[in-house]
Protein backbone atom coordinates (compact mmCIF):
# COMPACT_ATOMS: atom_id res chain seq x y z
CA MET A 1 36.89 -6.09 2.49
CA ILE A 2 36.32 -2.43 1.64
CA THR A 3 36.02 -0.09 4.60
CA LYS A 4 33.11 2.23 5.16
CA LYS A 5 33.10 5.61 3.48
CA LEU A 6 33.03 8.64 5.77
CA TRP A 7 30.06 10.94 5.22
CA PRO A 8 30.92 14.62 4.60
CA ARG A 9 29.62 16.87 7.34
CA SER A 10 28.16 19.15 4.70
CA LEU A 11 25.94 16.33 3.45
CA ALA A 12 24.49 15.81 6.91
CA LEU A 13 23.67 19.50 7.13
CA ILE A 14 22.05 19.55 3.67
CA ILE A 15 19.83 16.55 4.36
CA VAL A 16 18.97 17.72 7.87
CA ILE A 17 17.75 21.05 6.48
CA ALA A 18 15.83 19.29 3.71
CA LEU A 19 14.13 16.84 6.05
CA ALA A 20 13.36 19.36 8.76
CA ALA A 21 10.42 20.63 6.71
CA PHE A 22 8.80 17.22 6.46
CA SER A 23 6.00 16.45 8.86
CA VAL A 24 5.39 12.72 9.17
CA GLY A 25 1.83 12.77 10.49
CA ALA A 26 0.80 9.99 12.82
CA ALA A 27 4.26 8.79 13.73
CA GLY A 28 5.81 12.11 14.74
CA LYS A 29 8.83 13.68 13.01
CA ILE A 30 11.85 12.01 11.50
CA GLY A 31 15.06 12.52 13.44
CA ASN A 32 18.14 14.33 12.14
CA LEU A 33 21.14 12.72 10.48
CA ASP A 34 23.52 14.21 13.03
CA LYS A 35 21.74 12.27 15.78
CA LEU A 36 22.63 8.95 14.17
CA PRO A 37 25.87 7.10 14.98
CA GLY A 38 28.61 8.15 12.61
CA PRO A 39 30.67 5.59 10.65
CA ASP A 40 33.42 4.21 12.87
CA ASN A 41 35.51 2.86 10.00
CA LYS A 42 35.64 -0.57 11.65
CA ALA A 43 34.91 -3.97 10.22
CA PRO A 44 31.70 -5.57 11.54
CA ASP A 45 31.84 -7.75 14.64
CA THR A 46 31.48 -11.25 13.21
CA THR A 47 31.23 -12.87 16.65
CA LYS A 48 27.71 -11.51 17.11
CA PRO A 49 24.64 -12.83 15.27
CA ILE A 50 23.84 -11.06 12.00
CA LYS A 51 21.02 -8.51 12.22
CA VAL A 52 18.48 -9.42 9.54
CA TYR A 53 15.94 -6.94 8.19
CA LEU A 54 13.12 -8.14 5.95
CA LEU A 55 11.82 -5.68 3.35
CA SER A 56 8.58 -6.67 1.66
CA GLY A 57 5.78 -5.22 -0.41
CA GLN A 58 5.01 -4.68 -4.05
CA SER A 59 6.63 -2.81 -6.96
CA ASN A 60 7.71 0.28 -5.02
CA MET A 61 9.56 -1.94 -2.55
CA VAL A 62 11.03 -3.84 -5.51
CA GLY A 63 12.40 -0.44 -6.51
CA MET A 64 11.76 1.76 -9.52
CA GLY A 65 14.17 4.63 -8.75
CA ALA A 66 16.39 5.25 -11.79
CA VAL A 67 20.16 5.09 -11.19
CA GLY A 68 21.21 6.64 -14.51
CA GLY A 69 19.69 8.01 -17.70
CA LYS A 70 18.28 11.26 -18.99
CA GLY A 71 16.57 13.90 -16.89
CA GLU A 72 17.05 15.14 -13.36
CA ASN A 73 15.31 12.37 -11.41
CA ASN A 74 18.01 9.70 -11.59
CA LEU A 75 20.50 9.08 -8.80
CA GLU A 76 23.58 9.95 -10.87
CA TYR A 77 22.19 13.43 -11.52
CA LEU A 78 21.19 13.93 -7.90
CA VAL A 79 24.65 12.93 -6.66
CA ASN A 80 26.78 14.64 -9.32
CA ASN A 81 24.76 17.78 -10.06
CA LYS A 82 22.61 18.45 -7.01
CA LYS A 83 25.25 17.11 -4.62
CA MET A 84 22.71 15.03 -2.75
CA PHE A 85 23.37 11.66 -1.07
CA GLN A 86 27.14 12.07 -1.37
CA HIS A 87 27.77 9.09 0.93
CA LEU A 88 26.66 6.82 -1.94
CA SER A 89 29.59 8.01 -4.09
CA ASP A 90 33.21 6.91 -3.67
CA GLY A 91 34.44 10.38 -4.67
CA ASP A 92 36.15 9.09 -7.83
CA GLY A 93 33.16 8.79 -10.12
CA GLY A 94 32.09 5.41 -8.79
CA TRP A 95 29.77 4.14 -6.07
CA SER A 96 30.79 3.48 -2.48
CA LYS A 97 30.49 -0.03 -1.06
CA ARG A 98 29.65 -1.23 2.43
CA ASN A 99 31.69 -3.94 4.13
CA ASP A 100 29.14 -4.40 6.92
CA VAL A 101 25.84 -4.60 5.02
CA PHE A 102 24.98 -7.47 2.71
CA TYR A 103 21.97 -7.25 0.42
CA VAL A 104 19.94 -10.12 -0.99
CA SER A 105 16.88 -9.74 -3.23
CA ALA A 106 15.27 -13.17 -3.06
CA THR A 107 12.25 -12.77 -5.33
CA THR A 108 13.03 -10.34 -8.16
CA ASP A 109 16.56 -9.83 -9.55
CA HIS A 110 18.12 -12.36 -7.12
CA THR A 111 20.89 -9.92 -6.18
CA ALA A 112 23.39 -11.06 -3.52
CA LYS A 113 26.22 -8.61 -2.81
CA TYR A 114 27.67 -6.10 -0.37
CA MET A 115 25.45 -3.04 -0.34
CA SER A 116 26.32 -0.65 -3.16
CA ILE A 117 24.70 1.06 -6.13
CA GLN A 118 27.25 -0.62 -8.38
CA ASP A 119 25.65 -2.66 -11.22
CA MET A 120 22.15 -1.56 -10.19
CA ARG A 121 19.84 0.00 -12.78
CA ARG A 122 17.05 0.79 -10.33
CA ILE A 123 16.87 1.19 -6.59
CA GLY A 124 14.24 0.93 -3.89
CA PRO A 125 14.44 2.03 -0.26
CA GLU A 126 16.90 -0.79 0.59
CA VAL A 127 20.05 1.24 -0.25
CA GLN A 128 19.63 4.15 2.15
CA PHE A 129 17.99 1.85 4.69
CA GLY A 130 21.01 -0.45 4.59
CA TYR A 131 23.53 2.38 4.88
CA LEU A 132 21.90 3.79 8.01
CA MET A 133 21.37 0.40 9.66
CA GLY A 134 25.01 -0.43 8.95
CA ASP A 135 26.04 2.74 10.78
CA TYR A 136 23.80 1.87 13.69
CA HIS A 137 24.89 -1.74 14.28
CA ASP A 138 28.32 -3.10 15.22
CA GLU A 139 27.20 -6.48 13.89
CA MET A 140 26.94 -7.50 10.28
CA VAL A 141 23.61 -6.42 8.74
CA LEU A 142 21.69 -8.46 6.17
CA VAL A 143 18.99 -6.63 4.21
CA LEU A 144 16.76 -9.34 2.74
CA LYS A 145 14.15 -8.16 0.26
CA ILE A 146 11.15 -10.37 -0.50
CA ALA A 147 8.94 -8.20 -2.70
CA GLN A 148 6.97 -8.55 -5.91
CA GLY A 149 4.92 -6.10 -7.95
CA ASN A 150 1.15 -6.20 -8.37
CA ARG A 151 0.41 -8.06 -5.15
CA SER A 152 -2.51 -7.56 -2.76
CA ILE A 153 -2.53 -8.04 1.01
CA ALA A 154 -6.23 -8.85 0.61
CA PHE A 155 -5.41 -11.87 -1.55
CA ASP A 156 -1.86 -12.71 -2.71
CA VAL A 157 0.01 -11.74 0.48
CA MET A 158 -2.86 -12.47 2.85
CA PRO A 159 -1.26 -13.71 6.10
CA PRO A 160 -2.29 -17.05 7.67
CA SER A 161 -4.22 -15.42 10.52
CA SER A 162 -6.49 -13.72 7.99
CA ARG A 163 -7.30 -16.88 6.03
CA VAL A 164 -8.37 -19.29 8.74
CA GLY A 165 -10.45 -22.02 7.13
CA VAL A 166 -9.52 -20.99 3.57
CA SER A 167 -8.29 -23.93 1.51
CA LYS A 168 -5.12 -23.90 -0.61
CA GLU A 169 -6.83 -24.84 -3.86
CA GLY A 170 -4.95 -24.20 -7.08
CA LYS A 171 -1.69 -22.34 -7.59
CA PHE A 172 -3.00 -18.88 -6.76
CA TYR A 173 -4.92 -19.49 -3.54
CA LYS A 174 -5.43 -16.81 -0.91
CA GLY A 175 -2.04 -16.10 0.63
CA TRP A 176 0.05 -17.91 -1.99
CA GLN A 177 2.52 -15.03 -2.31
CA TYR A 178 2.93 -14.77 1.47
CA ASP A 179 3.87 -18.45 1.51
CA ASP A 180 6.33 -17.88 -1.34
CA PHE A 181 7.87 -14.87 0.42
CA VAL A 182 8.38 -16.87 3.61
CA ALA A 183 9.86 -19.82 1.69
CA ASP A 184 12.25 -17.47 -0.16
CA ALA A 185 13.41 -15.91 3.10
CA HIS A 186 13.96 -19.29 4.74
CA ARG A 187 15.90 -20.50 1.70
CA VAL A 188 18.35 -17.61 2.12
CA LEU A 189 18.60 -17.79 5.91
CA ASP A 190 19.01 -21.57 5.93
CA ASN A 191 21.82 -21.35 3.36
CA LEU A 192 23.61 -18.16 4.37
CA LYS A 193 27.04 -19.35 3.27
CA GLU A 194 25.70 -19.86 -0.25
CA TYR A 195 24.38 -16.31 -0.51
CA TYR A 196 26.89 -14.54 1.74
CA PRO A 197 30.30 -16.18 1.19
CA ASP A 198 31.94 -14.36 4.16
CA TYR A 199 29.48 -15.86 6.63
CA GLN A 200 31.37 -16.99 9.76
CA GLY A 201 28.63 -19.16 11.25
CA GLN A 202 27.70 -16.56 13.86
CA GLY A 203 23.96 -17.13 13.40
CA TYR A 204 21.35 -14.47 12.82
CA GLN A 205 18.44 -12.60 14.38
CA VAL A 206 15.47 -11.27 12.42
CA ALA A 207 15.48 -7.84 14.04
CA GLY A 208 13.09 -5.86 11.86
CA PHE A 209 10.51 -5.84 9.09
CA CYS A 210 9.58 -3.05 6.67
CA TRP A 211 6.40 -3.08 4.57
CA TRP A 212 5.65 -0.78 1.62
CA GLN A 213 2.56 -1.65 -0.36
CA GLY A 214 -0.99 -0.49 -0.94
CA HIS A 215 -1.59 0.63 -4.50
CA LYS A 216 -2.88 -2.78 -5.51
CA ASP A 217 -5.35 -2.77 -2.60
CA ALA A 218 -6.93 0.59 -3.35
CA GLY A 219 -10.63 -0.15 -3.11
CA ILE A 220 -10.73 -2.34 -0.02
CA SER A 221 -11.78 -0.80 3.26
CA GLN A 222 -9.55 0.64 5.95
CA ARG A 223 -10.92 -1.92 8.36
CA PHE A 224 -9.89 -4.97 6.38
CA TYR A 225 -6.54 -3.65 5.19
CA GLU A 226 -5.71 -2.75 8.78
CA LYS A 227 -6.72 -6.24 9.97
CA HIS A 228 -4.52 -7.96 7.37
CA LEU A 229 -1.56 -5.66 8.13
CA VAL A 230 -1.71 -6.33 11.87
CA ASN A 231 -1.94 -10.07 11.18
CA LEU A 232 0.95 -9.89 8.70
CA ILE A 233 3.34 -8.51 11.32
CA LYS A 234 2.11 -10.94 13.97
CA ASP A 235 2.45 -13.95 11.69
CA LEU A 236 5.95 -13.02 10.51
CA ARG A 237 7.10 -12.69 14.10
CA GLU A 238 5.86 -16.20 14.77
CA GLU A 239 7.24 -17.58 11.50
CA PHE A 240 10.79 -16.35 12.18
CA LYS A 241 10.63 -16.95 15.94
CA SER A 242 11.31 -13.29 16.62
CA PRO A 243 8.62 -12.01 19.02
CA LYS A 244 10.49 -8.72 19.50
CA MET A 245 10.89 -8.02 15.79
CA LYS A 246 10.31 -4.33 15.11
CA ALA A 247 8.14 -3.28 12.18
CA VAL A 248 7.88 -0.05 10.20
CA VAL A 249 5.08 0.45 7.68
CA ALA A 250 5.65 2.88 4.82
CA THR A 251 2.42 4.36 3.48
CA VAL A 252 1.22 4.95 -0.05
CA ALA A 253 2.12 8.43 -1.22
CA PHE A 254 0.35 8.68 -4.56
CA GLY A 255 -0.61 12.32 -5.06
CA GLY A 256 1.47 13.66 -2.19
CA LYS A 257 -0.24 15.42 0.70
CA LYS A 258 -3.62 15.73 -1.01
CA MET A 259 -5.12 12.27 -1.04
CA SER A 260 -8.71 11.13 -1.25
CA GLY A 261 -10.86 8.15 -2.08
CA ALA A 262 -9.46 4.63 -2.15
CA TYR A 263 -5.81 5.61 -1.54
CA LEU A 264 -6.83 7.61 1.50
CA GLU A 265 -8.50 4.51 2.97
CA ILE A 266 -5.26 2.56 2.60
CA LEU A 267 -3.20 5.42 4.00
CA LYS A 268 -5.42 5.60 7.08
CA ALA A 269 -5.15 1.85 7.58
CA GLN A 270 -1.36 1.95 7.34
CA MET A 271 -1.14 4.83 9.80
CA ALA A 272 -3.62 3.21 12.19
CA VAL A 273 -1.15 0.55 13.32
CA SER A 274 0.72 3.40 15.06
CA ASP A 275 -2.39 4.42 16.97
CA TYR A 276 -1.13 3.28 20.37
CA THR A 277 -4.44 4.13 21.99
CA LYS A 278 -5.99 1.45 19.78
CA TYR A 279 -3.00 -0.93 19.82
CA PRO A 280 -1.13 -0.33 23.08
CA GLU A 281 0.93 -3.47 22.43
CA HIS A 282 2.39 -1.77 19.33
CA ARG A 283 4.04 1.01 21.32
CA ASN A 284 7.81 0.94 20.74
CA ASN A 285 7.32 -2.09 18.47
CA ILE A 286 5.52 -0.85 15.36
CA ALA A 287 5.63 2.53 13.62
CA SER A 288 4.10 4.05 10.50
CA LEU A 289 6.05 6.26 8.12
CA ASP A 290 3.87 8.80 6.32
CA CYS A 291 5.57 8.94 2.90
CA ARG A 292 3.56 11.81 1.48
CA PRO A 293 6.30 14.39 2.24
CA PHE A 294 8.69 12.36 0.08
CA PHE A 295 6.45 12.43 -2.99
CA ARG A 296 8.26 13.97 -5.96
CA GLY A 297 5.58 13.54 -8.59
CA GLY A 298 4.69 10.75 -10.99
CA GLY A 299 2.23 7.90 -10.71
CA ALA A 300 2.36 4.77 -8.63
CA HIS A 301 6.13 4.48 -9.18
CA TYR A 302 6.73 8.18 -8.48
CA GLY A 303 8.13 8.89 -11.93
CA ASN A 304 11.12 6.58 -11.19
CA ASN A 305 12.44 9.41 -9.02
CA ALA A 306 15.45 8.12 -7.09
CA GLU A 307 15.07 10.89 -4.50
CA THR A 308 11.68 9.55 -3.37
CA TYR A 309 13.01 6.02 -2.90
CA THR A 310 16.12 7.20 -1.05
CA LEU A 311 14.10 9.40 1.29
CA VAL A 312 11.65 6.59 2.03
CA GLY A 313 14.57 4.28 2.86
CA ASP A 314 15.98 7.02 5.08
CA GLY A 315 12.67 7.37 6.93
CA LEU A 316 12.26 3.61 7.37
CA ALA A 317 15.73 3.35 8.91
CA ARG A 318 15.19 6.29 11.28
CA TYR A 319 11.98 4.87 12.66
CA MET A 320 13.55 1.42 12.92
CA ILE A 321 16.39 2.91 14.96
CA GLN A 322 13.94 4.75 17.21
CA LEU A 323 12.10 1.48 17.84
CA LEU A 324 15.35 -0.35 18.59
CA ASP A 325 16.39 2.39 20.99
CA GLN A 326 12.91 2.37 22.56
CA THR A 327 12.66 6.08 21.74
CA PRO A 328 8.97 7.03 22.05
CA ILE A 329 7.21 7.79 18.77
CA LYS A 330 4.20 9.96 19.39
CA TYR A 331 0.96 9.10 17.64
CA GLU A 332 -1.06 12.01 16.30
CA PRO A 333 -4.39 11.87 14.46
CA LEU A 334 -3.88 11.65 10.73
CA LYS A 335 -4.33 14.97 8.97
CA THR A 336 -5.56 14.72 5.41
CA SER A 337 -6.67 17.12 2.75
CA ILE A 338 -9.75 16.06 0.84
CA GLY A 339 -11.22 18.06 -2.01
CA LYS A 340 -14.73 19.39 -1.55
CA LEU A 341 -17.35 17.10 -3.05
CA ARG A 342 -19.69 18.47 -5.69
CA VAL A 343 -23.34 17.66 -6.23
CA SER A 344 -24.86 17.54 -9.70
CA LYS A 345 -27.06 20.47 -8.71
CA PRO A 346 -24.58 23.15 -7.61
CA GLU A 347 -27.33 25.14 -5.90
CA GLY A 348 -28.90 22.05 -4.32
CA PRO A 349 -28.90 21.45 -0.57
CA ALA A 350 -26.64 18.94 1.18
CA PRO A 351 -28.34 15.69 2.20
CA ASP A 352 -30.27 15.54 5.45
CA GLU A 353 -28.09 13.27 7.59
CA LYS A 354 -30.63 13.14 10.41
CA LYS A 355 -33.04 11.03 8.36
CA PRO A 356 -32.48 7.31 7.66
CA MET A 357 -30.62 6.74 4.41
CA LYS A 358 -32.49 5.39 1.41
CA VAL A 359 -30.97 2.09 0.24
CA TYR A 360 -31.41 0.70 -3.28
CA VAL A 361 -30.15 -2.76 -4.28
CA LEU A 362 -29.21 -3.36 -7.93
CA MET A 363 -28.94 -7.00 -8.94
CA GLY A 364 -28.53 -9.00 -12.16
CA GLN A 365 -25.90 -10.35 -14.48
CA SER A 366 -23.35 -8.83 -16.88
CA ASN A 367 -25.48 -5.93 -18.10
CA MET A 368 -26.08 -4.87 -14.51
CA VAL A 369 -22.35 -5.33 -13.87
CA GLY A 370 -21.88 -2.67 -16.55
CA MET A 371 -20.16 -2.73 -19.90
CA GLY A 372 -20.51 0.93 -20.87
CA HIS A 373 -17.23 2.67 -21.73
CA ALA A 374 -16.67 5.89 -19.81
CA SER A 375 -13.59 7.61 -21.21
CA GLY A 376 -12.01 7.91 -24.62
CA GLU A 377 -12.64 9.82 -27.83
CA GLN A 378 -14.03 6.93 -29.80
CA PRO A 379 -17.75 7.00 -30.73
CA GLY A 380 -20.15 5.75 -28.08
CA THR A 381 -18.14 6.48 -24.94
CA LEU A 382 -19.79 8.58 -22.28
CA GLU A 383 -17.12 11.25 -22.64
CA THR A 384 -17.75 11.53 -26.40
CA VAL A 385 -21.53 11.63 -25.97
CA ILE A 386 -21.22 14.47 -23.46
CA LYS A 387 -18.74 16.54 -25.46
CA THR A 388 -20.14 16.05 -28.98
CA LYS A 389 -23.84 15.35 -28.49
CA HIS A 390 -24.18 17.37 -25.29
CA LYS A 391 -26.16 14.65 -23.52
CA PHE A 392 -25.82 13.78 -19.81
CA THR A 393 -23.89 16.99 -19.27
CA HIS A 394 -24.72 16.88 -15.56
CA LEU A 395 -22.11 14.10 -15.21
CA MET A 396 -19.18 16.37 -16.09
CA ASP A 397 -18.27 19.86 -14.90
CA LYS A 398 -17.15 22.77 -17.06
CA ASP A 399 -13.47 21.85 -16.57
CA GLY A 400 -13.95 18.33 -17.90
CA ASN A 401 -13.87 16.62 -14.49
CA TRP A 402 -16.36 13.93 -13.57
CA VAL A 403 -18.91 15.21 -11.07
CA VAL A 404 -18.85 13.58 -7.62
CA ARG A 405 -22.10 13.32 -5.63
CA ASN A 406 -21.97 14.18 -1.95
CA ASP A 407 -25.36 12.57 -1.29
CA VAL A 408 -25.16 9.22 -3.14
CA TYR A 409 -22.73 6.52 -2.03
CA TYR A 410 -22.07 3.52 -4.28
CA VAL A 411 -20.88 0.08 -3.23
CA ASP A 412 -20.14 -2.80 -5.62
CA LEU A 413 -19.98 -6.04 -3.65
CA THR A 414 -19.07 -8.55 -6.31
CA ASN A 415 -16.91 -7.14 -9.07
CA THR A 416 -14.89 -3.93 -9.01
CA ARG A 417 -15.27 -3.63 -5.23
CA ASP A 418 -15.89 0.09 -5.60
CA ALA A 419 -16.90 1.92 -2.46
CA GLU A 420 -17.06 5.64 -3.15
CA TRP A 421 -19.24 8.69 -3.57
CA LEU A 422 -21.00 8.18 -6.87
CA THR A 423 -18.89 9.31 -9.82
CA VAL A 424 -17.46 8.06 -13.09
CA GLY A 425 -13.96 8.70 -11.78
CA LYS A 426 -11.43 6.15 -13.03
CA ARG A 427 -13.95 3.40 -13.67
CA ARG A 428 -13.75 1.79 -17.10
CA GLY A 429 -17.10 0.01 -17.14
CA LEU A 430 -20.43 1.63 -16.31
CA GLY A 431 -23.80 0.10 -15.62
CA PRO A 432 -27.19 1.67 -14.95
CA GLU A 433 -26.16 2.64 -11.41
CA LEU A 434 -24.64 5.96 -12.50
CA GLN A 435 -27.70 7.69 -13.90
CA PHE A 436 -30.02 5.83 -11.53
CA GLY A 437 -28.03 7.21 -8.60
CA HIS A 438 -28.06 10.77 -9.93
CA VAL A 439 -31.82 10.74 -10.40
CA MET A 440 -32.50 9.21 -6.97
CA GLY A 441 -30.06 11.62 -5.36
CA ASP A 442 -31.98 14.54 -6.85
CA TYR A 443 -35.27 13.04 -5.69
CA HIS A 444 -34.38 12.32 -2.05
CA ASP A 445 -33.40 14.76 0.65
CA GLU A 446 -31.75 11.93 2.56
CA VAL A 447 -28.43 10.22 1.78
CA VAL A 448 -28.84 7.49 -0.85
CA LEU A 449 -26.89 4.24 -0.70
CA LEU A 450 -26.64 2.10 -3.86
CA ILE A 451 -25.59 -1.52 -3.37
CA LYS A 452 -24.83 -3.49 -6.50
CA ALA A 453 -24.69 -7.29 -6.26
CA ALA A 454 -24.31 -8.49 -9.83
CA GLN A 455 -22.32 -11.14 -11.66
CA GLY A 456 -22.20 -12.15 -15.30
CA ASN A 457 -23.44 -15.48 -16.68
CA ARG A 458 -25.94 -16.21 -13.90
CA SER A 459 -29.41 -17.74 -14.19
CA ILE A 460 -32.46 -17.06 -12.04
CA CYS A 461 -33.49 -20.66 -12.77
CA HIS A 462 -30.40 -22.00 -11.05
CA ASP A 463 -27.61 -19.69 -9.78
CA ILE A 464 -29.83 -16.90 -8.41
CA ASN A 465 -32.78 -19.15 -7.66
CA PRO A 466 -34.50 -17.51 -4.64
CA PRO A 467 -35.28 -19.50 -1.46
CA SER A 468 -39.05 -19.59 -2.10
CA SER A 469 -38.41 -21.37 -5.39
CA ARG A 470 -36.18 -24.07 -3.92
CA ILE A 471 -38.09 -25.23 -0.85
CA GLY A 472 -36.91 -28.70 0.15
CA MET A 473 -33.91 -28.68 -2.19
CA PRO A 474 -30.64 -29.62 -0.45
CA LYS A 475 -27.51 -27.48 -0.74
CA ASN A 476 -25.36 -30.12 -2.37
CA GLY A 477 -21.91 -29.03 -3.52
CA THR A 478 -20.63 -25.55 -4.25
CA TRP A 479 -22.94 -24.78 -7.18
CA TYR A 480 -26.28 -25.80 -5.65
CA LYS A 481 -29.53 -24.14 -6.74
CA GLY A 482 -29.47 -20.57 -5.47
CA TRP A 483 -25.78 -20.46 -4.54
CA GLN A 484 -25.28 -17.04 -6.17
CA TYR A 485 -28.40 -15.65 -4.49
CA ASP A 486 -26.95 -16.70 -1.13
CA ILE A 487 -23.66 -14.99 -1.93
CA PHE A 488 -25.45 -11.84 -3.06
CA VAL A 489 -27.72 -11.63 -0.04
CA VAL A 490 -26.83 -13.85 2.90
CA TYR A 491 -23.05 -14.09 2.76
CA ARG A 492 -22.54 -10.47 1.85
CA ARG A 493 -24.66 -9.46 4.83
CA THR A 494 -22.56 -11.42 7.30
CA GLY A 495 -19.20 -12.08 5.66
CA PRO A 496 -16.18 -9.83 5.04
CA LEU A 497 -17.09 -7.12 2.56
CA GLY A 498 -13.71 -5.56 2.00
CA ILE A 499 -15.38 -2.15 1.81
CA SER A 500 -16.44 0.53 4.27
CA LEU A 501 -18.81 3.45 4.38
CA PRO A 502 -17.78 7.00 5.34
CA ALA A 503 -18.59 7.32 9.03
CA SER A 504 -19.46 11.02 8.75
CA HIS A 505 -22.60 10.19 6.75
CA PHE A 506 -23.41 6.66 7.78
CA LYS A 507 -23.77 6.60 11.53
CA ALA A 508 -25.19 3.61 13.39
């Protein structure tokens, strides 16, 4: 086996200075490298059970950080030119290798090897996380990644506690990916010798769980994301018979410190699990890592920047160590920066929040769903009509940004699941709700709420048949007369919406 590589003292100082500027919001501040146990240059104690850490989520947990290539964002450049993360290098132009941390990726590239950058084209947070956890434990550490891109906690990875009574119909039922993740993890843990040839039969303990996901779920409410996340941790503890399993949640970081809209809802939900006033049982058991300070630009995958992924792995490990040491992590209210909302009438007054809101329900089939193209330079799009024919100019400001109402809130219950202040924004398809909302917002002094319950290919003679037209008709089967009406009206009034309204304007 290859012994651990000693970290240069200068590296610790560099990273400590770099991280000292990062505020981590609701979970306090990340500790310093010099407070972590240093490498002891000893082989792992194979008489003690292996410490297993599960890493799960979507594509960012899979890992999109570039190891090599052009530009200054890849790991080779950071290590060789910027002299960052020197512990990952062997000092001779190659990558260092751990003898006490084994890494298995069970769902993507099916990697099984001692932790090292060697032969990796892209990295996620598992590398730095594994290095720090290896320094912390005397036992062997197994980092087991069960992650897949483009997955939603509101559907694919929905935990069992969130889908009580939901049937497993078809291949892609609610929670199918959760079940696959669990099966993949059990397959590895039940056959450790197959994946980890140096296994001595010492057994294992699932000591921790890290979750990094959220981009796919942008659009569902804080309330429901938070519910699924709490259930996810609870269910995994039961599944792996590890009631004391620690959990660290890494937040979305798209856009850095300035976040708004759907991503802000997810961020707040991910940070809320560290609100120990709300969840006292989470104290010293669950922590949230605010990843916004680690944002180095780019879209959902952060421009493949290896620095972002390494720093997130570093933060996950530090909070995991604090939880294991029972070091208190202070919860603080989440501080966010939200851009000021604009009304279509710049000189117009803000809505009167003391008066009851005016609610308008928009219902129908595919035309009400909306098939109008918003962006693009081709003829007929809203953007082209505004810029070339100078129509509907109130929908776009002088800088080419879509205007956002601060007095009209729009909720789509059945299709895109939008829940936002009325705007074109990033929506591809538009229906009549946009101009309708602008006109009604100008007319009313009160806040206006638009609720759209529409679905294509529906008939008022059958699917949306109202109750007064089907007196005495039994509700036989799933597609009985009026089934879509009931979903539009009755179920959506009482069932889980997956959306929320901004509390500042919509008070009970």
